[in-house]
Amino acid sequence: AEFNPRKHEFGVLSMARSADPNSAGSQFFVCLGDLPSLDNKYTTFGRMLKGGDVLKKLGSAQTVRGDYPKVRQGIENVRILE
């Protein structure tokens, strides 16, 4: 696994994985707030520069059992800045 010292805070992108640190693949998550318990345990690789209001709206969607959104949520457009 490849960890880094970047903090898990609102808008940070991080790799999702199972309990095995070497299991990260193609899934990621965007932090809805500060998550210090994940620091140095998951790999962060980006940060949102705009759209915090949209992220908050996605995070506030009504959920059902298992913490799944009642109505499917999605992202229509992503731009990568170099």
N, C-alpha and C. Protein backbone atom coordinates (compact mmCIF):
# COMPACT_ATOMS: atom_id res chain seq x y z
N ALA A 1 0.84 -1.19 0.00
CA ALA A 1 0.00 0.00 0.00
C ALA A 1 0.88 1.24 0.00
N GLU A 2 0.34 2.30 -0.54
CA GLU A 2 1.06 3.56 -0.62
C GLU A 2 0.27 4.63 0.14
N PHE A 3 0.71 4.99 1.31
CA PHE A 3 0.03 6.00 2.10
C PHE A 3 0.80 7.30 2.01
N ASN A 4 0.13 8.40 2.30
CA ASN A 4 0.79 9.70 2.29
C ASN A 4 0.29 10.52 3.48
N PRO A 5 0.97 11.60 3.81
CA PRO A 5 0.62 12.38 5.00
C PRO A 5 -0.55 13.35 4.81
N ARG A 6 -1.16 13.39 3.63
CA ARG A 6 -2.27 14.32 3.40
C ARG A 6 -3.44 13.98 4.31
N LYS A 7 -4.08 15.00 4.82
CA LYS A 7 -5.20 14.83 5.74
C LYS A 7 -6.50 14.52 5.00
N HIS A 8 -7.34 13.72 5.61
CA HIS A 8 -8.68 13.43 5.10
C HIS A 8 -9.60 14.51 5.64
N GLU A 9 -9.96 15.46 4.78
CA GLU A 9 -10.85 16.56 5.17
C GLU A 9 -11.82 16.84 4.03
N PHE A 10 -12.77 17.72 4.27
CA PHE A 10 -13.82 17.97 3.29
C PHE A 10 -13.26 18.17 1.88
N GLY A 11 -13.80 17.41 0.93
CA GLY A 11 -13.43 17.56 -0.47
C GLY A 11 -12.23 16.77 -0.93
N VAL A 12 -11.59 16.03 -0.04
CA VAL A 12 -10.41 15.23 -0.40
C VAL A 12 -10.86 13.92 -1.03
N LEU A 13 -10.18 13.49 -2.09
CA LEU A 13 -10.44 12.21 -2.74
C LEU A 13 -9.45 11.19 -2.19
N SER A 14 -9.95 9.99 -1.90
CA SER A 14 -9.12 8.95 -1.30
C SER A 14 -9.52 7.59 -1.88
N MET A 15 -8.57 6.68 -1.89
CA MET A 15 -8.83 5.33 -2.40
C MET A 15 -9.63 4.51 -1.41
N ALA A 16 -10.62 3.80 -1.92
CA ALA A 16 -11.40 2.86 -1.10
C ALA A 16 -10.70 1.51 -1.14
N ARG A 17 -10.84 0.75 -0.07
CA ARG A 17 -10.23 -0.58 -0.02
C ARG A 17 -10.93 -1.41 1.05
N SER A 18 -10.60 -2.69 1.08
CA SER A 18 -11.11 -3.56 2.15
C SER A 18 -10.15 -3.46 3.34
N ALA A 19 -10.25 -4.38 4.27
CA ALA A 19 -9.37 -4.37 5.45
C ALA A 19 -7.91 -4.60 5.07
N ASP A 20 -7.67 -5.21 3.91
CA ASP A 20 -6.31 -5.45 3.43
C ASP A 20 -5.76 -4.16 2.83
N PRO A 21 -4.69 -3.58 3.37
CA PRO A 21 -4.15 -2.33 2.85
C PRO A 21 -3.74 -2.39 1.37
N ASN A 22 -3.51 -3.58 0.84
CA ASN A 22 -3.10 -3.71 -0.56
C ASN A 22 -4.27 -4.03 -1.49
N SER A 23 -5.49 -3.78 -1.06
CA SER A 23 -6.66 -4.16 -1.86
C SER A 23 -7.28 -3.01 -2.66
N ALA A 24 -6.71 -1.81 -2.59
CA ALA A 24 -7.29 -0.68 -3.32
C ALA A 24 -7.27 -0.96 -4.82
N GLY A 25 -8.37 -0.62 -5.48
CA GLY A 25 -8.47 -0.86 -6.92
C GLY A 25 -8.93 0.39 -7.63
N SER A 26 -10.15 0.36 -8.13
CA SER A 26 -10.65 1.47 -8.93
C SER A 26 -11.72 2.29 -8.21
N GLN A 27 -12.02 1.97 -6.96
CA GLN A 27 -13.04 2.72 -6.23
C GLN A 27 -12.40 3.81 -5.38
N PHE A 28 -13.12 4.92 -5.26
CA PHE A 28 -12.63 6.01 -4.43
C PHE A 28 -13.81 6.65 -3.71
N PHE A 29 -13.52 7.51 -2.77
CA PHE A 29 -14.56 8.25 -2.08
C PHE A 29 -14.12 9.69 -1.91
N VAL A 30 -15.09 10.57 -1.71
CA VAL A 30 -14.83 11.98 -1.45
C VAL A 30 -15.26 12.26 -0.03
N CYS A 31 -14.40 12.84 0.76
CA CYS A 31 -14.68 13.10 2.17
C CYS A 31 -15.73 14.20 2.33
N LEU A 32 -16.72 13.94 3.16
CA LEU A 32 -17.76 14.92 3.46
C LEU A 32 -17.41 15.76 4.69
N GLY A 33 -16.28 15.48 5.31
CA GLY A 33 -15.83 16.21 6.49
C GLY A 33 -14.47 15.69 6.90
N ASP A 34 -13.97 16.15 8.03
CA ASP A 34 -12.68 15.70 8.54
C ASP A 34 -12.80 14.25 9.03
N LEU A 35 -11.85 13.41 8.60
CA LEU A 35 -11.83 11.99 8.98
C LEU A 35 -10.42 11.61 9.43
N PRO A 36 -9.96 12.15 10.56
CA PRO A 36 -8.59 11.88 10.99
C PRO A 36 -8.30 10.39 11.23
N SER A 37 -9.33 9.60 11.48
CA SER A 37 -9.10 8.17 11.70
C SER A 37 -8.61 7.46 10.44
N LEU A 38 -8.75 8.11 9.29
CA LEU A 38 -8.28 7.51 8.03
C LEU A 38 -6.88 7.98 7.63
N ASP A 39 -6.40 9.04 8.28
CA ASP A 39 -5.08 9.59 7.94
C ASP A 39 -4.00 8.53 8.09
N ASN A 40 -3.11 8.46 7.10
CA ASN A 40 -1.99 7.50 7.05
C ASN A 40 -2.45 6.05 6.98
N LYS A 41 -3.74 5.82 6.66
CA LYS A 41 -4.26 4.46 6.50
C LYS A 41 -4.88 4.25 5.12
N TYR A 42 -5.26 5.33 4.47
CA TYR A 42 -5.83 5.31 3.13
C TYR A 42 -5.07 6.34 2.29
N THR A 43 -4.96 6.10 1.00
CA THR A 43 -4.21 6.99 0.13
C THR A 43 -5.10 8.09 -0.41
N THR A 44 -4.74 9.34 -0.12
CA THR A 44 -5.44 10.48 -0.69
C THR A 44 -4.72 10.87 -1.98
N PHE A 45 -5.50 11.31 -2.98
CA PHE A 45 -4.85 11.62 -4.25
C PHE A 45 -5.42 12.86 -4.93
N GLY A 46 -6.28 13.57 -4.28
CA GLY A 46 -6.82 14.77 -4.91
C GLY A 46 -7.69 15.54 -3.95
N ARG A 47 -8.13 16.71 -4.43
CA ARG A 47 -8.99 17.58 -3.63
C ARG A 47 -9.90 18.34 -4.58
N MET A 48 -11.14 18.49 -4.18
CA MET A 48 -12.08 19.30 -4.96
C MET A 48 -11.70 20.77 -4.82
N LEU A 49 -11.71 21.48 -5.93
CA LEU A 49 -11.42 22.91 -5.90
C LEU A 49 -12.69 23.74 -5.93
N LYS A 50 -13.74 23.18 -6.50
CA LYS A 50 -15.04 23.85 -6.59
C LYS A 50 -16.13 22.80 -6.36
N GLY A 51 -17.33 23.26 -6.09
CA GLY A 51 -18.46 22.35 -5.99
C GLY A 51 -18.74 21.83 -4.61
N GLY A 52 -18.20 22.48 -3.58
CA GLY A 52 -18.46 22.04 -2.22
C GLY A 52 -19.94 22.01 -1.89
N ASP A 53 -20.70 22.95 -2.45
CA ASP A 53 -22.14 22.97 -2.22
C ASP A 53 -22.81 21.74 -2.80
N VAL A 54 -22.33 21.28 -3.95
CA VAL A 54 -22.87 20.08 -4.59
C VAL A 54 -22.52 18.85 -3.75
N LEU A 55 -21.29 18.79 -3.25
CA LEU A 55 -20.88 17.66 -2.41
C LEU A 55 -21.74 17.60 -1.15
N LYS A 56 -22.01 18.73 -0.54
CA LYS A 56 -22.87 18.75 0.65
C LYS A 56 -24.28 18.27 0.32
N LYS A 57 -24.77 18.65 -0.86
CA LYS A 57 -26.10 18.21 -1.28
C LYS A 57 -26.13 16.69 -1.48
N LEU A 58 -25.09 16.14 -2.15
CA LEU A 58 -24.99 14.69 -2.33
C LEU A 58 -24.94 13.99 -0.98
N GLY A 59 -24.17 14.54 -0.05
CA GLY A 59 -24.01 13.93 1.26
C GLY A 59 -25.26 13.99 2.13
N SER A 60 -26.16 14.91 1.81
CA SER A 60 -27.37 15.05 2.61
C SER A 60 -28.56 14.28 2.02
N ALA A 61 -28.32 13.52 0.96
CA ALA A 61 -29.40 12.75 0.34
C ALA A 61 -29.99 11.76 1.34
N GLN A 62 -31.31 11.58 1.28
CA GLN A 62 -31.97 10.62 2.16
C GLN A 62 -31.48 9.22 1.83
N THR A 63 -31.21 8.43 2.86
CA THR A 63 -30.70 7.07 2.65
C THR A 63 -31.67 6.04 3.21
N VAL A 64 -31.47 4.80 2.77
CA VAL A 64 -32.25 3.66 3.26
C VAL A 64 -31.29 2.71 3.96
N ARG A 65 -31.82 1.60 4.42
CA ARG A 65 -31.01 0.61 5.12
C ARG A 65 -29.72 0.31 4.37
N GLY A 66 -28.62 0.24 5.09
CA GLY A 66 -27.33 -0.01 4.47
C GLY A 66 -26.64 1.28 4.04
N ASP A 67 -27.25 2.43 4.33
CA ASP A 67 -26.72 3.76 4.01
C ASP A 67 -26.63 4.00 2.49
N TYR A 68 -27.56 3.40 1.74
CA TYR A 68 -27.65 3.65 0.30
C TYR A 68 -28.62 4.79 0.06
N PRO A 69 -28.36 5.65 -0.92
CA PRO A 69 -29.31 6.73 -1.20
C PRO A 69 -30.65 6.17 -1.66
N LYS A 70 -31.72 6.77 -1.19
CA LYS A 70 -33.07 6.35 -1.59
C LYS A 70 -33.26 6.59 -3.08
N VAL A 71 -32.75 7.71 -3.56
CA VAL A 71 -32.76 8.05 -4.99
C VAL A 71 -31.32 8.09 -5.46
N ARG A 72 -31.03 7.39 -6.55
CA ARG A 72 -29.65 7.31 -7.05
C ARG A 72 -29.06 8.70 -7.23
N GLN A 73 -27.82 8.86 -6.76
CA GLN A 73 -27.08 10.11 -6.89
C GLN A 73 -25.97 9.89 -7.92
N GLY A 74 -25.53 10.93 -8.57
CA GLY A 74 -24.47 10.76 -9.55
C GLY A 74 -23.75 12.06 -9.84
N ILE A 75 -22.61 11.92 -10.48
CA ILE A 75 -21.80 13.06 -10.91
C ILE A 75 -21.85 13.09 -12.42
N GLU A 76 -22.23 14.22 -12.98
CA GLU A 76 -22.38 14.33 -14.43
C GLU A 76 -21.11 14.78 -15.14
N ASN A 77 -20.25 15.52 -14.45
CA ASN A 77 -19.09 16.09 -15.11
C ASN A 77 -17.93 16.22 -14.12
N VAL A 78 -16.74 15.84 -14.56
CA VAL A 78 -15.52 16.00 -13.77
C VAL A 78 -14.46 16.57 -14.68
N ARG A 79 -13.74 17.57 -14.19
CA ARG A 79 -12.62 18.12 -14.95
C ARG A 79 -11.34 17.93 -14.12
N ILE A 80 -10.30 17.46 -14.74
CA ILE A 80 -9.02 17.27 -14.08
C ILE A 80 -8.11 18.41 -14.49
N LEU A 81 -7.61 19.16 -13.51
CA LEU A 81 -6.71 20.28 -13.77
C LEU A 81 -5.30 19.85 -13.57
N GLU A 82 -4.45 20.22 -14.48
CA GLU A 82 -3.02 19.87 -14.35
C GLU A 82 -2.19 21.06 -13.99
